[in-house]
Amino acid sequence: MTGWLKNFMKDPLYKLIKKTIAKLAEVPVSEIMDDMHFQEVLEIDSLEAVEILHKVEKKFKVKLIDADLSEIKTLKDVYNYCRNRIKI
């Protein structure tokens, strides 16, 4: 595992997003992979996807842009989108 990947997986933002996705999908956190598609693999609907992003907004006090949300399909997408907007 590269240093970048280790740091990525230790990031509190990454952990929060992954934990939230696992809870909504009702699967163990260990089963959530970075490139799993919310709707196709995890069966998370669009309302639940918005809930994930709302938790990120609340926890990290950042406003996410609604128009961008349709492009977010995986844990990696959520993480990259949020990481580019949050300074922690």
Protein backbone atom coordinates (compact mmCIF):
# COMPACT_ATOMS: atom_id res chain seq x y z
CA MET A 1 0.00 0.00 0.00
CA THR A 2 1.42 3.38 -0.98
CA GLY A 3 1.85 6.25 1.48
CA TRP A 4 -0.81 8.28 -0.33
CA LEU A 5 -3.35 5.48 0.00
CA LYS A 6 -2.60 5.01 3.70
CA ASN A 7 -3.12 8.74 4.32
CA PHE A 8 -6.31 8.71 2.26
CA MET A 9 -7.76 5.85 4.32
CA LYS A 10 -6.86 7.61 7.60
CA ASP A 11 -8.55 10.86 6.54
CA PRO A 12 -11.51 11.63 8.87
CA LEU A 13 -13.53 12.73 5.85
CA TYR A 14 -12.97 9.37 4.12
CA LYS A 15 -13.89 7.48 7.28
CA LEU A 16 -17.08 9.51 7.80
CA ILE A 17 -18.22 9.01 4.21
CA LYS A 18 -17.46 5.29 4.22
CA LYS A 19 -19.21 4.75 7.58
CA THR A 20 -22.29 6.68 6.41
CA ILE A 21 -22.49 4.71 3.16
CA ALA A 22 -22.18 1.40 5.03
CA LYS A 23 -24.94 2.40 7.44
CA LEU A 24 -27.32 3.44 4.68
CA ALA A 25 -26.55 0.35 2.59
CA GLU A 26 -26.81 -1.85 5.69
CA VAL A 27 -23.50 -3.59 5.00
CA PRO A 28 -20.27 -3.84 7.03
CA VAL A 29 -17.83 -0.98 6.49
CA SER A 30 -15.25 -3.52 5.32
CA GLU A 31 -17.44 -4.37 2.32
CA ILE A 32 -17.53 -0.81 0.98
CA MET A 33 -15.03 -0.36 -1.85
CA ASP A 34 -13.97 3.02 -3.21
CA ASP A 35 -15.38 2.40 -6.69
CA MET A 36 -18.70 0.74 -5.77
CA HIS A 37 -21.58 2.44 -7.53
CA PHE A 38 -24.19 3.61 -4.99
CA GLN A 39 -27.30 2.69 -6.92
CA GLU A 40 -26.14 -0.30 -8.95
CA VAL A 41 -24.15 -2.19 -6.32
CA LEU A 42 -25.21 -0.83 -2.95
CA GLU A 43 -28.83 -0.05 -3.88
CA ILE A 44 -28.62 3.39 -2.27
CA ASP A 45 -31.26 5.62 -3.80
CA SER A 46 -30.80 9.28 -4.65
CA LEU A 47 -32.40 10.41 -1.39
CA GLU A 48 -29.93 8.34 0.62
CA ALA A 49 -27.05 9.68 -1.49
CA VAL A 50 -28.15 13.21 -0.58
CA GLU A 51 -28.21 12.13 3.08
CA ILE A 52 -24.55 11.07 2.82
CA LEU A 53 -23.61 14.47 1.45
CA HIS A 54 -25.72 16.25 4.06
CA LYS A 55 -23.76 14.49 6.83
CA VAL A 56 -20.52 15.65 5.22
CA GLU A 57 -21.85 19.23 4.97
CA LYS A 58 -22.89 19.22 8.62
CA LYS A 59 -19.73 17.60 10.00
CA PHE A 60 -17.25 19.71 7.99
CA LYS A 61 -19.35 22.90 7.71
CA VAL A 62 -19.22 23.21 3.94
CA LYS A 63 -21.91 23.86 1.34
CA LEU A 64 -22.07 21.37 -1.51
CA ILE A 65 -23.55 22.46 -4.84
CA ASP A 66 -26.79 20.64 -5.74
CA ALA A 67 -26.10 20.77 -9.47
CA ASP A 68 -22.91 18.74 -8.93
CA LEU A 69 -24.58 15.95 -6.98
CA SER A 70 -25.81 14.00 -10.00
CA GLU A 71 -22.19 13.34 -11.00
CA ILE A 72 -21.33 11.70 -7.67
CA LYS A 73 -21.75 7.93 -7.92
CA THR A 74 -19.11 6.26 -5.69
CA LEU A 75 -17.30 6.68 -2.39
CA LYS A 76 -14.27 7.90 -4.31
CA ASP A 77 -16.43 10.50 -6.11
CA VAL A 78 -17.87 11.78 -2.82
CA TYR A 79 -14.45 11.91 -1.22
CA ASN A 80 -12.76 13.72 -4.13
CA TYR A 81 -15.63 16.19 -4.50
CA CYS A 82 -15.66 17.03 -0.80
CA ARG A 83 -11.89 17.04 -0.32
CA ASN A 84 -11.61 19.72 -3.01
CA ARG A 85 -14.01 21.94 -1.05
CA ILE A 86 -13.01 21.32 2.56
CA LYS A 87 -9.99 22.62 4.40
CA ILE A 88 -9.34 20.53 7.51
